[in-house]
Amino acid sequence: MADVPQVPKPLATEAEVVASEMNPPLAFLELEQQNQVAEVASLVEHDQDHHHMVVTVVEKDSPLTHAASDVAPLSVEHVTVTAPEPEDLLVNDGKPVSQALSAALEVNQEGEVEAEKTTQKEVIAESEQSNVDDEDLMKKKGPESMPSFKEESNRLKDLSDSERKALEDFKFHVQEAINSNSFIPSADNKDQENTPEGEITKIPEEIAIWGVPLMRDDRTDVILLKFLRARDFKVKEAFAMLRNTMVWRKEYKVDELVDEELEDHLEKVVFMHGSDKEGHSVCYNVYGEFQNKELYSKTFSDEEKRGKFLRWRIQFLERSIRKLDFSPGGINTIFQISDLKNSPGPGKRDLRIATRQALQLLQDNYPEFVAKQVFINVPWWYLAFYTMINPFLTQRTKSKFVFAGPSKTADTLFKYIAPEQVPIQYGGLLVDLCDCNPEFTLDDPVTELIVKPTTKQTVEIIVHEKCIIVWELRVVGWDVSYSAEFVPNVEGAYMMILQKKTKMSPKDEPVVAGSFKVSELGKILLTINNPQSKKKKLLYRFKVKPYSD
């Protein structure tokens, strides 16, 4: 008889309910109604971890003839997954930055003082509303709908004639400044200006930024285009911006700062984790961490501490930028996520001062490093501030912004980032190995399924050879029941309960994991009962390991 191990549950916080409609990602689809049946079938083969897997998905949707014990009648939705045979698995054992953007607190624009006068009673009353109320506010008071920002190409062939001409003019000015050693004003430069004609002058020094020497290769084009785009391709303004940036970097000793050992007590406030669907590194800014009074005081309570915070942010940003690819076809921007859940409100003066300083430095010295800026768990007060500063933002800046209230957070992130790349606290399955199931990595893709209202969803894993099946799954927001069984192929054999039917609430562990040693052929059934009137999102993945006695 097969062993039945315990089903471990990883530790993490719970994300909000996702309410988006999404088609099943795999091919074989069968919809069965009470009076009609429509069937579409397809077999999908895809290469995973250097071996071929054949996956067959079958969905059945039909109302049950009887009601569940405590809910309305459930329809049944079925998913069948055929696991790969172990010999196929053993053929090849494959192995299955950041711009510290403070934009999440852009309350530090002109008008912040007036905004601070908003009564605290209004803020508290709004923040205590339900998620539904939050979404209503997003619709009523949220940012206007704008075309989504699309990153421009940095390849010369894709630039317009006027853009190419501006780039060439910009490069001419940069090269001229390098040759004359006048890029960064200094006493030596002034002495050189007075050198009699015919005498040997100082050899031009190399000018580099973000680890890239200027005018050495085509990476220069990518960097200069950032400054040009930040100044609407006005060459003189772009050159002045670049020169001012170089002067600031020398005065601030940025290159030396990169290698300094700074106190790192903000690792939970700003961190890089995973990548989006286009390959951008993702930076998370978690402002709710500053609700910790000790952390807040340690970071912002006086000018000296705010200065150290600023140096830490610049160092974090510089280290992240130096990992980017500045070749013309490379990824040289960062996907920014600002989590505003429990973020300190506009009354925190010290935080406003620090943020204003950081914003100014970022705007002046780090142009065009944000691919997308997504604000999640957005509270009412932030939308009010955004409305105030909206007229002062450029269309280009606003087109990079995406806002999501608490109940739309996971749904919004999944539009841009695969679930296996989204941290567990935001609805995905990305965890540190020490925190959860070490069986899965970023290379193990997740299947997404919509569990319709009052529907029973079953994932059926059919096993053809002795092996070990390992799985993990979650339903974002839960409020469903979960169970797992093994059904042997032998006629008359007893079904084995791997996980008895359990009601899962939003406060339960967000991910459940399990494994089963299959010593006799059969199938594993992972079942989700959704008695709610809202659809739910199911995320799951599994892998097959060789059988061992």
Protein backbone atom coordinates (compact mmCIF):
# COMPACT_ATOMS: atom_id res chain seq x y z
CA MET A 1 0.00 0.00 0.00
CA ALA A 2 1.23 3.49 -0.81
CA ASP A 3 2.50 5.79 1.91
CA VAL A 4 0.51 8.88 2.75
CA PRO A 5 2.82 11.65 3.93
CA GLN A 6 1.71 14.75 5.75
CA VAL A 7 0.75 17.74 3.64
CA PRO A 8 3.00 20.65 4.64
CA LYS A 9 1.72 24.19 4.67
CA PRO A 10 4.16 27.04 3.99
CA LEU A 11 4.18 30.27 5.94
CA ALA A 12 3.17 33.59 4.38
CA THR A 13 0.53 36.29 4.48
CA GLU A 14 -2.70 36.24 2.48
CA ALA A 15 -3.34 38.24 -0.65
CA GLU A 16 -6.66 39.66 -1.75
CA VAL A 17 -9.27 37.92 -3.92
CA VAL A 18 -8.63 38.01 -7.64
CA ALA A 19 -11.77 38.58 -9.70
CA SER A 20 -10.49 38.58 -13.25
CA GLU A 21 -11.80 36.36 -16.06
CA MET A 22 -9.09 34.24 -17.58
CA ASN A 23 -9.11 31.40 -20.12
CA PRO A 24 -7.60 28.03 -19.14
CA PRO A 25 -3.98 28.03 -20.28
CA LEU A 26 -3.96 24.51 -21.71
CA ALA A 27 -5.71 23.06 -24.63
CA PHE A 28 -8.22 20.22 -24.23
CA LEU A 29 -11.55 21.84 -23.35
CA GLU A 30 -14.91 20.13 -22.86
CA LEU A 31 -17.95 22.09 -21.75
CA GLU A 32 -20.91 19.95 -20.74
CA GLN A 33 -24.26 21.64 -20.04
CA GLN A 34 -27.40 19.86 -18.81
CA ASN A 35 -29.11 20.07 -22.20
CA GLN A 36 -26.16 20.44 -24.59
CA VAL A 37 -22.54 19.42 -24.93
CA ALA A 38 -19.78 21.25 -26.75
CA GLU A 39 -16.37 19.65 -27.10
CA VAL A 40 -13.08 20.95 -28.38
CA ALA A 41 -9.97 18.80 -28.03
CA SER A 42 -6.28 19.34 -28.50
CA LEU A 43 -3.09 17.81 -27.24
CA VAL A 44 -0.34 20.08 -26.02
CA GLU A 45 3.28 19.09 -25.76
CA HIS A 46 5.82 21.45 -24.29
CA ASP A 47 9.45 21.23 -23.32
CA GLN A 48 10.06 21.66 -19.61
CA ASP A 49 13.32 21.09 -17.75
CA HIS A 50 14.89 19.57 -20.89
CA HIS A 51 12.42 16.71 -21.18
CA HIS A 52 9.10 16.47 -23.00
CA MET A 53 5.91 16.37 -21.02
CA VAL A 54 2.50 15.56 -22.42
CA VAL A 55 -0.29 17.39 -20.63
CA THR A 56 -3.97 16.82 -21.33
CA VAL A 57 -6.51 19.13 -19.73
CA VAL A 58 -10.22 18.32 -19.66
CA GLU A 59 -12.81 20.69 -18.20
CA LYS A 60 -16.39 19.67 -17.52
CA ASP A 61 -18.96 22.17 -16.38
CA SER A 62 -22.38 20.84 -15.47
CA PRO A 63 -24.81 21.47 -12.61
CA LEU A 64 -25.08 18.78 -9.98
CA THR A 65 -28.44 17.17 -9.37
CA HIS A 66 -28.11 17.67 -5.63
CA ALA A 67 -27.13 20.58 -3.43
CA ALA A 68 -24.02 20.77 -1.32
CA SER A 69 -24.58 20.51 2.40
CA ASP A 70 -24.30 24.18 3.20
CA VAL A 71 -24.31 25.98 -0.11
CA ALA A 72 -26.17 26.32 -3.37
CA PRO A 73 -25.89 23.49 -5.93
CA LEU A 74 -22.42 23.19 -7.40
CA SER A 75 -21.54 22.64 -10.99
CA VAL A 76 -18.60 20.37 -11.71
CA GLU A 77 -15.42 21.39 -13.50
CA HIS A 78 -12.83 18.73 -14.18
CA VAL A 79 -9.18 18.97 -15.17
CA THR A 80 -7.23 15.88 -16.14
CA VAL A 81 -3.41 16.03 -16.26
CA THR A 82 -1.40 13.12 -17.59
CA ALA A 83 1.93 12.95 -15.79
CA PRO A 84 5.08 12.09 -17.77
CA GLU A 85 6.44 8.63 -17.50
CA PRO A 86 9.51 8.38 -15.24
CA GLU A 87 11.76 7.03 -18.00
CA ASP A 88 11.11 10.21 -19.94
CA LEU A 89 12.12 12.21 -16.89
CA LEU A 90 15.38 10.35 -16.46
CA VAL A 91 16.58 10.93 -20.00
CA ASN A 92 18.03 14.28 -19.01
CA ASP A 93 18.19 15.67 -15.49
CA GLY A 94 17.63 19.33 -16.30
CA LYS A 95 17.36 21.99 -13.78
CA PRO A 96 13.80 22.12 -13.71
CA VAL A 97 17.80 46.67 -9.53
CA SER A 98 16.60 48.99 -8.79
CA GLN A 99 15.44 52.41 -9.24
CA ALA A 100 14.52 53.19 -5.67
CA LEU A 101 11.58 55.13 -6.95
CA SER A 102 9.82 57.02 -4.24
CA ALA A 103 6.93 57.79 -6.53
CA ALA A 104 4.62 55.87 -4.25
CA LEU A 105 4.78 58.88 -1.99
CA GLU A 106 4.44 61.57 -4.60
CA VAL A 107 2.48 63.51 -2.07
CA ASN A 108 5.69 65.49 -1.89
CA GLN A 109 4.83 67.61 -4.91
CA GLU A 110 3.58 71.17 -4.81
CA GLY A 111 0.30 71.24 -2.96
CA GLU A 112 1.23 68.66 -0.34
CA VAL A 113 0.69 71.14 2.48
CA GLU A 114 -2.82 71.83 1.35
CA ALA A 115 -3.45 68.12 0.96
CA GLU A 116 -2.26 67.49 4.50
CA LYS A 117 -5.18 69.58 5.72
CA THR A 118 -7.58 66.87 4.60
CA THR A 119 -9.30 65.81 7.78
CA GLN A 120 -8.10 62.60 9.34
CA LYS A 121 -11.69 61.59 9.98
CA GLU A 122 -12.33 61.40 6.25
CA VAL A 123 -9.23 59.30 5.66
CA ILE A 124 -10.00 56.85 8.47
CA ALA A 125 -13.63 56.51 7.46
CA GLU A 126 -12.71 55.76 3.87
CA SER A 127 -9.88 53.35 4.74
CA GLU A 128 -12.21 51.23 6.86
CA GLN A 129 -14.62 50.61 3.99
CA SER A 130 -14.85 47.16 2.42
CA ASN A 131 -12.89 46.07 -0.62
CA VAL A 132 -15.98 46.68 -2.72
CA ASP A 133 -16.07 50.27 -1.52
CA ASP A 134 -12.36 50.56 -2.33
CA GLU A 135 -12.99 49.50 -5.88
CA ASP A 136 -15.90 51.93 -6.19
CA LEU A 137 -13.57 54.71 -5.05
CA MET A 138 -10.99 53.61 -7.60
CA LYS A 139 -13.59 53.97 -10.31
CA LYS A 140 -14.93 57.29 -9.09
CA LYS A 141 -11.78 59.04 -7.91
CA GLY A 142 -9.00 57.02 -9.50
CA PRO A 143 -6.66 58.17 -12.25
CA GLU A 144 -8.16 58.62 -15.67
CA SER A 145 -7.72 55.81 -18.16
CA MET A 146 -4.64 56.36 -20.30
CA PRO A 147 -2.93 54.44 -23.08
CA SER A 148 -0.39 52.06 -21.59
CA PHE A 149 3.24 53.08 -21.97
CA LYS A 150 5.24 51.10 -24.50
CA GLU A 151 9.01 51.22 -24.27
CA GLU A 152 10.76 52.66 -27.29
CA SER A 153 13.47 50.81 -29.15
CA ASN A 154 17.08 51.84 -28.61
CA ARG A 155 18.21 50.50 -31.98
CA LEU A 156 19.34 53.15 -34.43
CA LYS A 157 17.28 51.67 -37.26
CA ASP A 158 14.11 52.16 -35.23
CA LEU A 159 14.69 55.85 -34.48
CA SER A 160 13.07 58.57 -36.57
CA ASP A 161 15.27 60.84 -38.67
CA SER A 162 14.92 63.69 -36.18
CA GLU A 163 15.76 61.39 -33.25
CA ARG A 164 18.86 60.04 -35.01
CA LYS A 165 20.01 63.58 -35.77
CA ALA A 166 19.47 64.63 -32.13
CA LEU A 167 21.47 61.61 -30.95
CA GLU A 168 24.36 62.40 -33.31
CA ASP A 169 24.40 66.04 -32.18
CA PHE A 170 24.35 64.91 -28.54
CA LYS A 171 27.27 62.52 -29.11
CA PHE A 172 29.23 65.30 -30.81
CA HIS A 173 28.83 67.58 -27.77
CA VAL A 174 29.75 64.76 -25.38
CA GLN A 175 32.87 63.81 -27.35
CA GLU A 176 33.90 67.44 -27.60
CA ALA A 177 33.54 67.88 -23.82
CA ILE A 178 35.55 64.70 -23.17
CA ASN A 179 38.33 65.77 -25.56
CA SER A 180 38.62 69.18 -23.90
CA ASN A 181 38.37 67.76 -20.37
CA SER A 182 35.51 70.16 -19.78
CA PHE A 183 32.78 67.63 -19.03
CA ILE A 184 33.14 68.08 -15.29
CA PRO A 185 34.32 71.58 -14.29
CA SER A 186 37.43 71.58 -12.08
CA ALA A 187 40.46 73.72 -11.28
CA ASP A 188 42.51 71.64 -13.73
CA ASN A 189 40.06 72.49 -16.52
CA LYS A 190 40.43 76.21 -15.83
CA ASP A 191 44.23 75.95 -15.88
CA GLN A 192 44.06 74.08 -19.16
CA GLU A 193 42.01 76.87 -20.73
CA ASN A 194 44.97 79.22 -20.10
CA THR A 195 47.55 76.84 -21.60
CA PRO A 196 49.51 78.65 -24.39
CA GLU A 197 48.76 77.42 -27.88
CA GLY A 198 51.10 74.69 -29.03
CA GLU A 199 51.85 73.30 -25.58
CA ILE A 200 50.85 69.73 -24.63
CA THR A 201 47.51 69.61 -22.85
CA LYS A 202 46.21 67.03 -20.40
CA ILE A 203 45.15 63.69 -21.92
CA PRO A 204 41.36 63.39 -21.90
CA GLU A 205 40.14 61.32 -18.99
CA GLU A 206 37.59 58.56 -19.39
CA ILE A 207 34.03 59.49 -18.50
CA ALA A 208 31.81 56.62 -17.33
CA ILE A 209 28.35 56.37 -15.85
CA TRP A 210 26.68 53.28 -14.31
CA GLY A 211 29.83 51.32 -15.16
CA VAL A 212 29.63 52.18 -18.89
CA PRO A 213 32.44 54.27 -20.43
CA LEU A 214 30.92 56.94 -22.67
CA MET A 215 31.78 57.02 -26.38
CA ARG A 216 33.36 53.55 -26.31
CA ASP A 217 30.60 51.42 -27.86
CA ASP A 218 26.89 51.36 -28.73
CA ARG A 219 25.91 51.26 -25.05
CA THR A 220 26.57 55.01 -25.13
CA ASP A 221 23.59 55.40 -27.49
CA VAL A 222 21.27 53.72 -24.99
CA ILE A 223 22.41 55.94 -22.13
CA LEU A 224 22.26 59.15 -24.13
CA LEU A 225 18.79 58.27 -25.41
CA LYS A 226 17.57 58.15 -21.82
CA PHE A 227 18.63 61.76 -21.31
CA LEU A 228 17.24 62.80 -24.69
CA ARG A 229 13.84 61.25 -24.00
CA ALA A 230 13.74 62.87 -20.58
CA ARG A 231 14.15 66.24 -22.33
CA ASP A 232 11.96 65.60 -25.40
CA PHE A 233 15.02 65.23 -27.64
CA LYS A 234 16.17 68.80 -26.99
CA VAL A 235 19.92 68.35 -27.29
CA LYS A 236 21.09 71.36 -25.27
CA GLU A 237 18.78 70.51 -22.37
CA ALA A 238 19.76 66.83 -22.47
CA PHE A 239 23.46 67.72 -22.49
CA ALA A 240 22.98 70.09 -19.53
CA MET A 241 21.14 67.32 -17.66
CA LEU A 242 23.92 64.80 -18.34
CA ARG A 243 26.64 67.25 -17.31
CA ASN A 244 24.79 68.15 -14.10
CA THR A 245 24.37 64.44 -13.36
CA MET A 246 28.08 63.83 -13.79
CA VAL A 247 28.91 66.76 -11.51
CA TRP A 248 26.48 65.48 -8.86
CA ARG A 249 27.91 61.96 -9.08
CA LYS A 250 31.43 63.29 -8.51
CA GLU A 251 30.38 65.47 -5.57
CA TYR A 252 28.28 62.68 -4.02
CA LYS A 253 31.06 60.13 -4.70
CA VAL A 254 28.55 57.70 -6.15
CA ASP A 255 31.11 55.27 -7.59
CA GLU A 256 32.75 54.92 -4.17
CA LEU A 257 29.33 54.61 -2.50
CA VAL A 258 28.54 51.49 -4.53
CA ASP A 259 31.22 49.50 -2.70
CA GLU A 260 30.60 50.87 0.80
CA GLU A 261 29.23 48.66 3.58
CA LEU A 262 26.08 50.41 4.78
CA GLU A 263 23.73 49.31 7.53
CA ASP A 264 21.00 47.28 5.86
CA HIS A 265 17.89 47.50 8.04
CA LEU A 266 15.61 48.30 5.09
CA GLU A 267 15.81 44.99 3.28
CA LYS A 268 12.07 44.44 3.79
CA VAL A 269 11.18 47.92 2.57
CA VAL A 270 12.86 47.79 -0.84
CA PHE A 271 13.92 44.56 -2.52
CA MET A 272 14.31 42.94 -5.93
CA HIS A 273 12.38 39.73 -6.53
CA GLY A 274 11.82 37.87 -9.80
CA SER A 275 11.06 39.36 -13.21
CA ASP A 276 8.03 40.34 -15.27
CA LYS A 277 6.81 38.62 -18.43
CA GLU A 278 9.10 40.78 -20.57
CA GLY A 279 12.21 40.04 -18.52
CA HIS A 280 12.42 43.26 -16.47
CA SER A 281 13.72 42.88 -12.94
CA VAL A 282 10.97 43.68 -10.44
CA CYS A 283 11.55 46.04 -7.53
CA TYR A 284 9.12 46.06 -4.59
CA ASN A 285 8.71 49.13 -2.39
CA VAL A 286 6.77 48.15 0.74
CA TYR A 287 5.89 51.36 2.55
CA GLY A 288 3.73 49.67 5.16
CA GLU A 289 6.94 48.55 6.88
CA PHE A 290 7.29 52.12 8.15
CA GLN A 291 4.33 51.53 10.47
CA ASN A 292 7.01 50.01 12.69
CA LYS A 293 7.78 52.98 14.95
CA GLU A 294 11.28 51.79 15.73
CA LEU A 295 12.13 51.41 12.03
CA TYR A 296 10.53 54.75 11.21
CA SER A 297 12.49 56.56 13.92
CA LYS A 298 15.74 54.82 12.95
CA THR A 299 15.28 55.96 9.36
CA PHE A 300 13.69 59.42 9.40
CA SER A 301 13.75 61.01 12.87
CA ASP A 302 16.54 63.54 12.16
CA GLU A 303 18.51 65.01 9.29
CA GLU A 304 21.50 62.72 9.79
CA LYS A 305 19.33 59.59 9.61
CA ARG A 306 17.49 60.87 6.56
CA GLY A 307 20.88 61.45 4.93
CA LYS A 308 21.90 57.84 5.63
CA PHE A 309 18.57 56.65 4.23
CA LEU A 310 19.20 58.62 1.04
CA ARG A 311 22.69 57.16 0.67
CA TRP A 312 21.26 53.65 1.15
CA ARG A 313 18.62 54.23 -1.53
CA ILE A 314 21.16 55.59 -3.99
CA GLN A 315 23.47 52.63 -3.33
CA PHE A 316 20.61 50.15 -3.80
CA LEU A 317 19.65 51.88 -7.03
CA GLU A 318 23.19 52.01 -8.40
CA ARG A 319 23.84 48.34 -7.69
CA SER A 320 20.60 47.40 -9.42
CA ILE A 321 21.26 49.57 -12.46
CA ARG A 322 24.72 48.07 -12.98
CA LYS A 323 23.08 44.68 -13.49
CA LEU A 324 21.03 45.99 -16.42
CA ASP A 325 21.89 45.38 -20.07
CA PHE A 326 22.72 48.64 -21.85
CA SER A 327 23.19 47.08 -25.27
CA PRO A 328 20.67 48.46 -27.83
CA GLY A 329 18.47 45.37 -27.64
CA GLY A 330 18.93 44.76 -23.92
CA ILE A 331 16.61 45.28 -20.96
CA ASN A 332 17.72 48.45 -19.20
CA THR A 333 14.64 49.45 -17.23
CA ILE A 334 13.01 48.15 -14.04
CA PHE A 335 9.43 47.15 -13.25
CA GLN A 336 8.48 49.04 -10.09
CA ILE A 337 5.80 47.95 -7.61
CA SER A 338 4.81 50.22 -4.74
CA ASP A 339 2.77 48.53 -2.02
CA LEU A 340 0.77 51.18 -0.16
CA LYS A 341 -0.94 48.84 2.30
CA ASN A 342 -0.71 50.39 5.79
CA SER A 343 1.54 53.08 4.35
CA PRO A 344 1.99 56.09 6.65
CA GLY A 345 -0.35 58.88 5.62
CA PRO A 346 0.42 62.46 4.67
CA GLY A 347 0.89 63.53 8.28
CA LYS A 348 4.42 62.08 8.54
CA ARG A 349 6.55 65.20 8.01
CA ASP A 350 9.93 63.44 8.31
CA LEU A 351 8.93 60.92 5.67
CA ARG A 352 7.74 63.68 3.35
CA ILE A 353 11.06 65.50 3.63
CA ALA A 354 13.09 62.35 2.90
CA THR A 355 10.86 61.40 0.00
CA ARG A 356 11.06 64.86 -1.53
CA GLN A 357 14.85 64.72 -1.43
CA ALA A 358 14.92 61.23 -2.97
CA LEU A 359 12.43 62.16 -5.68
CA GLN A 360 14.40 65.22 -6.68
CA LEU A 361 17.62 63.25 -7.02
CA LEU A 362 15.92 60.50 -8.99
CA GLN A 363 14.22 62.88 -11.38
CA ASP A 364 17.40 64.86 -12.00
CA ASN A 365 19.93 62.04 -12.25
CA TYR A 366 18.22 58.76 -13.20
CA PRO A 367 16.09 59.34 -16.31
CA GLU A 368 13.99 56.66 -17.99
CA PHE A 369 14.72 53.70 -15.74
CA VAL A 370 11.10 52.75 -15.01
CA ALA A 371 9.39 50.33 -17.40
CA LYS A 372 6.12 50.37 -15.45
CA GLN A 373 5.08 51.77 -12.08
CA VAL A 374 2.34 49.72 -10.44
CA PHE A 375 0.72 50.93 -7.22
CA ILE A 376 -1.06 48.18 -5.28
CA ASN A 377 -3.27 48.21 -2.19
CA VAL A 378 -3.94 51.85 -2.99
CA PRO A 379 -5.76 53.69 -0.16
CA TRP A 380 -8.21 56.53 -0.59
CA TRP A 381 -5.85 59.25 0.57
CA TYR A 382 -3.30 58.41 -2.14
CA LEU A 383 -5.88 58.77 -4.86
CA ALA A 384 -6.79 62.17 -3.45
CA PHE A 385 -3.16 63.27 -3.63
CA TYR A 386 -2.76 61.87 -7.11
CA THR A 387 -5.74 63.91 -8.25
CA MET A 388 -4.03 67.02 -6.93
CA ILE A 389 -0.64 66.40 -8.55
CA ASN A 390 -2.04 64.95 -11.76
CA PRO A 391 -1.91 68.28 -13.69
CA PHE A 392 1.83 68.54 -12.98
CA LEU A 393 2.72 65.13 -14.42
CA THR A 394 3.66 64.59 -18.04
CA GLN A 395 1.60 62.28 -20.23
CA ARG A 396 4.68 60.07 -20.59
CA THR A 397 4.99 59.68 -16.82
CA LYS A 398 1.28 59.05 -16.29
CA SER A 399 1.21 56.42 -19.03
CA LYS A 400 3.59 54.28 -16.94
CA PHE A 401 1.29 54.29 -13.89
CA VAL A 402 -1.09 51.49 -12.96
CA PHE A 403 -3.27 51.64 -9.82
CA ALA A 404 -4.97 48.72 -8.04
CA GLY A 405 -7.08 48.61 -4.91
CA PRO A 406 -6.68 45.77 -2.36
CA SER A 407 -9.04 43.29 -4.03
CA LYS A 408 -7.43 43.81 -7.45
CA THR A 409 -3.79 43.51 -6.40
CA ALA A 410 -3.09 39.91 -7.45
CA ASP A 411 -5.20 40.24 -10.59
CA THR A 412 -3.26 43.33 -11.65
CA LEU A 413 0.15 41.81 -10.96
CA PHE A 414 -0.68 38.65 -12.91
CA LYS A 415 -1.26 40.79 -16.02
CA TYR A 416 2.42 41.64 -16.04
CA ILE A 417 4.14 38.96 -13.95
CA ALA A 418 3.72 35.17 -14.05
CA PRO A 419 2.34 33.71 -10.77
CA GLU A 420 5.53 31.76 -10.08
CA GLN A 421 7.35 35.13 -10.09
CA VAL A 422 4.90 36.94 -7.78
CA PRO A 423 5.73 36.82 -4.04
CA ILE A 424 3.40 34.75 -1.95
CA GLN A 425 2.12 37.77 0.01
CA TYR A 426 0.78 39.28 -3.22
CA GLY A 427 -1.10 36.24 -4.45
CA GLY A 428 1.63 34.27 -6.24
CA LEU A 429 3.84 31.29 -5.40
CA LEU A 430 7.27 32.92 -5.19
CA VAL A 431 8.93 32.27 -1.83
CA ASP A 432 12.40 31.94 -0.41
CA LEU A 433 13.47 28.31 -0.27
CA CYS A 434 13.76 28.47 3.49
CA ASP A 435 10.15 29.63 3.85
CA CYS A 436 8.24 27.08 1.81
CA ASN A 437 8.38 24.00 -0.37
CA PRO A 438 11.96 23.72 -1.70
CA GLU A 439 10.77 21.37 -4.45
CA PHE A 440 9.78 24.26 -6.73
CA THR A 441 11.77 27.10 -8.25
CA LEU A 442 11.19 30.01 -10.62
CA ASP A 443 11.71 27.56 -13.48
CA ASP A 444 8.60 25.56 -12.54
CA PRO A 445 5.63 27.20 -14.30
CA VAL A 446 2.25 27.61 -12.65
CA THR A 447 -1.09 26.75 -14.22
CA GLU A 448 -3.88 29.27 -13.66
CA LEU A 449 -7.54 28.26 -13.66
CA ILE A 450 -10.71 30.19 -12.95
CA VAL A 451 -13.02 28.41 -10.52
CA LYS A 452 -16.45 29.66 -11.45
CA PRO A 453 -19.10 30.57 -8.84
CA THR A 454 -20.78 27.56 -7.20
CA THR A 455 -18.43 25.23 -9.07
CA LYS A 456 -16.42 22.17 -8.16
CA GLN A 457 -13.00 22.19 -9.82
CA THR A 458 -10.92 19.02 -9.94
CA VAL A 459 -7.33 18.65 -11.12
CA GLU A 460 -6.78 15.01 -12.02
CA ILE A 461 -3.18 13.79 -12.30
CA ILE A 462 -3.04 10.43 -14.06
CA VAL A 463 0.08 8.40 -13.28
CA HIS A 464 1.29 5.61 -15.61
CA GLU A 465 4.36 4.39 -13.71
CA LYS A 466 5.54 4.20 -10.13
CA CYS A 467 6.81 7.60 -9.08
CA ILE A 468 6.51 10.37 -6.52
CA ILE A 469 4.15 13.27 -7.26
CA VAL A 470 4.83 16.60 -5.54
CA TRP A 471 2.40 19.50 -5.81
CA GLU A 472 1.47 22.88 -4.41
CA LEU A 473 -1.59 25.01 -4.97
CA ARG A 474 -3.50 28.01 -3.73
CA VAL A 475 -6.76 29.77 -4.37
CA VAL A 476 -6.25 33.50 -4.07
CA GLY A 477 -8.35 34.69 -1.15
CA TRP A 478 -9.54 31.11 -0.43
CA ASP A 479 -13.13 30.99 1.02
CA VAL A 480 -13.36 27.58 -0.65
CA SER A 481 -12.91 23.95 0.36
CA TYR A 482 -9.90 21.84 -0.62
CA SER A 483 -9.36 18.09 -0.63
CA ALA A 484 -6.96 15.56 -2.18
CA GLU A 485 -7.47 11.86 -2.91
CA PHE A 486 -5.75 9.01 -4.71
CA VAL A 487 -7.91 6.66 -6.77
CA PRO A 488 -6.22 3.34 -7.80
CA ASN A 489 -6.89 1.91 -11.23
CA VAL A 490 -7.64 -1.53 -9.77
CA GLU A 491 -11.37 -2.14 -9.84
CA GLY A 492 -12.83 -2.36 -6.35
CA ALA A 493 -9.80 -0.76 -4.67
CA TYR A 494 -10.39 1.81 -1.98
CA MET A 495 -9.86 5.52 -2.59
CA MET A 496 -7.17 6.97 -0.30
CA ILE A 497 -7.72 10.36 1.35
CA LEU A 498 -4.54 12.43 1.13
CA GLN A 499 -6.15 15.60 2.48
CA LYS A 500 -9.62 15.52 3.97
CA LYS A 501 -12.01 18.20 2.79
CA THR A 502 -11.08 21.40 4.59
CA LYS A 503 -12.63 24.83 4.48
CA MET A 504 -9.93 27.36 3.71
CA SER A 505 -10.41 30.96 4.83
CA PRO A 506 -8.42 34.08 3.84
CA LYS A 507 -6.60 33.82 7.19
CA ASP A 508 -5.31 30.30 6.49
CA GLU A 509 -1.90 29.61 5.01
CA PRO A 510 -1.96 30.90 1.43
CA VAL A 511 -0.31 27.82 -0.12
CA VAL A 512 -0.82 24.12 0.55
CA ALA A 513 1.76 21.60 -0.58
CA GLY A 514 1.73 17.83 -0.72
CA SER A 515 3.48 14.75 -2.04
CA PHE A 516 2.47 11.14 -2.63
CA LYS A 517 4.50 8.03 -3.40
CA VAL A 518 2.59 6.15 -6.10
CA SER A 519 3.30 2.44 -5.76
CA GLU A 520 0.24 1.33 -7.73
CA LEU A 521 -1.16 3.02 -10.83
CA GLY A 522 -4.03 5.44 -10.49
CA LYS A 523 -4.78 9.13 -10.33
CA ILE A 524 -4.51 11.94 -7.82
CA LEU A 525 -7.52 14.24 -7.50
CA LEU A 526 -7.02 17.78 -6.20
CA THR A 527 -10.46 19.26 -5.64
CA ILE A 528 -11.63 22.82 -4.99
CA ASN A 529 -15.26 23.53 -4.06
CA ASN A 530 -16.26 27.15 -4.59
CA PRO A 531 -19.65 27.81 -2.96
CA GLN A 532 -19.28 31.57 -3.35
CA SER A 533 -21.09 33.80 -5.83
CA LYS A 534 -17.74 35.11 -7.07
CA LYS A 535 -15.24 33.33 -9.27
CA LYS A 536 -11.88 32.41 -7.77
CA LYS A 537 -8.41 31.95 -9.21
CA LEU A 538 -6.69 28.59 -8.68
CA LEU A 539 -2.92 28.35 -9.07
CA TYR A 540 -1.23 24.96 -9.05
CA ARG A 541 1.86 23.12 -10.21
CA PHE A 542 3.28 19.66 -9.77
CA LYS A 543 6.35 17.65 -10.66
CA VAL A 544 7.23 13.98 -10.97
CA LYS A 545 10.18 12.47 -9.12
CA PRO A 546 11.65 8.98 -9.60
CA TYR A 547 10.21 6.26 -7.38
CA SER A 548 12.38 5.03 -4.53
CA ASP A 549 11.73 2.27 -1.97
